[in-house]
Amino acid sequence: MTRYRRAAGVSATAVDQDLYLVHPASQEIYHLDAMAAALWRLLAEAQTEAALTAAFAAAFPAVETARIDEDLAQALAGLVGPGLVIRD
């Protein structure tokens, strides 16, 4: 079962309503949208994609699960791609 977790050494800084991550090796700064920021917070502990979907479905019961899955996949790809989140 695939689990997602925060990569070691990534720093997070909240500025007002925004959340920024800094990659430890490249020092590149990433601005997270609301969904990615919520996802980052959920990944304080390793999570399966099913657990993440369930958390977002509970938070947004009026949104279809297929839409949540699509948005979640896009947000995860945006965090995994640059190495901010690790897929185990």
C-alpha atoms as a PDB file:
ATOM      1  CA  MET A   1       0.000   0.000   0.000  1.00  0.00           C
ATOM      2  CA  THR A   2       1.467   3.329  -1.074  1.00  0.00           C
ATOM      3  CA  ARG A   3       1.858   5.944   1.627  1.00  0.00           C
ATOM      4  CA  TYR A   4       2.788   9.601   1.288  1.00  0.00           C
ATOM      5  CA  ARG A   5       4.895  11.547   3.762  1.00  0.00           C
ATOM      6  CA  ARG A   6       6.706  14.850   3.982  1.00  0.00           C
ATOM      7  CA  ALA A   7      10.279  14.801   2.740  1.00  0.00           C
ATOM      8  CA  ALA A   8      12.915  15.345   5.420  1.00  0.00           C
ATOM      9  CA  GLY A   9      14.233  18.847   5.804  1.00  0.00           C
ATOM     10  CA  VAL A  10      11.456  20.686   3.960  1.00  0.00           C
ATOM     11  CA  SER A  11      10.602  23.827   5.903  1.00  0.00           C
ATOM     12  CA  ALA A  12       7.137  25.347   5.961  1.00  0.00           C
ATOM     13  CA  THR A  13       6.295  28.969   6.690  1.00  0.00           C
ATOM     14  CA  ALA A  14       2.803  30.409   7.009  1.00  0.00           C
ATOM     15  CA  VAL A  15       2.322  34.027   5.986  1.00  0.00           C
ATOM     16  CA  ASP A  16      -1.211  35.214   6.661  1.00  0.00           C
ATOM     17  CA  GLN A  17      -3.423  32.687   4.814  1.00  0.00           C
ATOM     18  CA  ASP A  18      -0.593  31.407   2.585  1.00  0.00           C
ATOM     19  CA  LEU A  19       1.789  28.495   3.127  1.00  0.00           C
ATOM     20  CA  TYR A  20       5.278  28.349   1.606  1.00  0.00           C
ATOM     21  CA  LEU A  21       7.662  25.401   1.504  1.00  0.00           C
ATOM     22  CA  VAL A  22      11.407  25.552   0.988  1.00  0.00           C
ATOM     23  CA  HIS A  23      13.204  22.550  -0.502  1.00  0.00           C
ATOM     24  CA  PRO A  24      16.308  21.842   1.606  1.00  0.00           C
ATOM     25  CA  ALA A  25      18.721  21.087  -1.260  1.00  0.00           C
ATOM     26  CA  SER A  26      17.689  23.603  -3.907  1.00  0.00           C
ATOM     27  CA  GLN A  27      16.365  26.307  -1.546  1.00  0.00           C
ATOM     28  CA  GLU A  28      13.540  26.748  -4.066  1.00  0.00           C
ATOM     29  CA  ILE A  29      10.386  28.262  -2.569  1.00  0.00           C
ATOM     30  CA  TYR A  30       6.958  26.765  -3.323  1.00  0.00           C
ATOM     31  CA  HIS A  31       3.653  28.517  -2.676  1.00  0.00           C
ATOM     32  CA  LEU A  32       0.837  26.106  -1.842  1.00  0.00           C
ATOM     33  CA  ASP A  33      -2.767  26.680  -2.825  1.00  0.00           C
ATOM     34  CA  ALA A  34      -5.465  25.946  -0.234  1.00  0.00           C
ATOM     35  CA  MET A  35      -5.805  22.266  -1.122  1.00  0.00           C
ATOM     36  CA  ALA A  36      -2.061  21.626  -1.214  1.00  0.00           C
ATOM     37  CA  ALA A  37      -1.665  23.434   2.119  1.00  0.00           C
ATOM     38  CA  ALA A  38      -4.380  21.263   3.690  1.00  0.00           C
ATOM     39  CA  LEU A  39      -2.706  18.207   2.191  1.00  0.00           C
ATOM     40  CA  TRP A  40       0.657  19.274   3.648  1.00  0.00           C
ATOM     41  CA  ARG A  41      -0.927  19.578   7.086  1.00  0.00           C
ATOM     42  CA  LEU A  42      -2.477  16.102   6.782  1.00  0.00           C
ATOM     43  CA  LEU A  43       0.930  14.707   5.869  1.00  0.00           C
ATOM     44  CA  ALA A  44       2.341  15.531   9.300  1.00  0.00           C
ATOM     45  CA  GLU A  45       2.021  11.732   9.543  1.00  0.00           C
ATOM     46  CA  ALA A  46       2.349   9.299   6.621  1.00  0.00           C
ATOM     47  CA  GLN A  47      -1.008   8.726   4.915  1.00  0.00           C
ATOM     48  CA  THR A  48      -2.436   6.460   2.247  1.00  0.00           C
ATOM     49  CA  GLU A  49      -4.246   8.023  -0.682  1.00  0.00           C
ATOM     50  CA  ALA A  50      -7.471   6.411   0.580  1.00  0.00           C
ATOM     51  CA  ALA A  51      -7.054   8.077   3.982  1.00  0.00           C
ATOM     52  CA  LEU A  52      -6.390  11.424   2.326  1.00  0.00           C
ATOM     53  CA  THR A  53      -9.471  11.055   0.121  1.00  0.00           C
ATOM     54  CA  ALA A  54     -11.575  10.171   3.163  1.00  0.00           C
ATOM     55  CA  ALA A  55     -10.333  13.261   5.028  1.00  0.00           C
ATOM     56  CA  PHE A  56     -11.175  15.584   2.135  1.00  0.00           C
ATOM     57  CA  ALA A  57     -14.527  13.851   1.540  1.00  0.00           C
ATOM     58  CA  ALA A  58     -15.438  14.419   5.197  1.00  0.00           C
ATOM     59  CA  ALA A  59     -14.414  18.074   4.945  1.00  0.00           C
ATOM     60  CA  PHE A  60     -16.303  18.600   1.667  1.00  0.00           C
ATOM     61  CA  PRO A  61     -19.319  16.250   1.717  1.00  0.00           C
ATOM     62  CA  ALA A  62     -21.057  18.059  -1.159  1.00  0.00           C
ATOM     63  CA  VAL A  63     -18.148  17.392  -3.549  1.00  0.00           C
ATOM     64  CA  GLU A  64     -18.184  14.140  -5.519  1.00  0.00           C
ATOM     65  CA  THR A  65     -15.466  11.669  -4.583  1.00  0.00           C
ATOM     66  CA  ALA A  66     -14.296  11.479  -8.209  1.00  0.00           C
ATOM     67  CA  ARG A  67     -13.595  15.218  -8.147  1.00  0.00           C
ATOM     68  CA  ILE A  68     -11.761  14.912  -4.820  1.00  0.00           C
ATOM     69  CA  ASP A  69      -9.672  12.048  -6.235  1.00  0.00           C
ATOM     70  CA  GLU A  70      -8.774  14.123  -9.303  1.00  0.00           C
ATOM     71  CA  ASP A  71      -7.856  17.231  -7.310  1.00  0.00           C
ATOM     72  CA  LEU A  72      -5.938  15.184  -4.757  1.00  0.00           C
ATOM     73  CA  ALA A  73      -3.941  13.391  -7.467  1.00  0.00           C
ATOM     74  CA  GLN A  74      -3.002  16.750  -8.980  1.00  0.00           C
ATOM     75  CA  ALA A  75      -1.994  18.215  -5.605  1.00  0.00           C
ATOM     76  CA  LEU A  76       0.061  15.132  -4.713  1.00  0.00           C
ATOM     77  CA  ALA A  77       1.834  15.235  -8.082  1.00  0.00           C
ATOM     78  CA  GLY A  78       2.682  18.895  -7.444  1.00  0.00           C
ATOM     79  CA  LEU A  79       4.304  17.978  -4.135  1.00  0.00           C
ATOM     80  CA  VAL A  80       5.929  14.681  -5.142  1.00  0.00           C
ATOM     81  CA  GLY A  81       7.407  16.049  -8.381  1.00  0.00           C
ATOM     82  CA  PRO A  82       9.832  18.512  -6.789  1.00  0.00           C
ATOM     83  CA  GLY A  83      10.584  16.164  -3.876  1.00  0.00           C
ATOM     84  CA  LEU A  84       8.594  17.934  -1.175  1.00  0.00           C
ATOM     85  CA  VAL A  85       6.593  14.771  -0.460  1.00  0.00           C
ATOM     86  CA  ILE A  86       7.859  11.178  -0.682  1.00  0.00           C
ATOM     87  CA  ARG A  87       5.810   8.230  -1.938  1.00  0.00           C
ATOM     88  CA  ASP A  88       6.728   4.998  -0.098  1.00  0.00           C
END
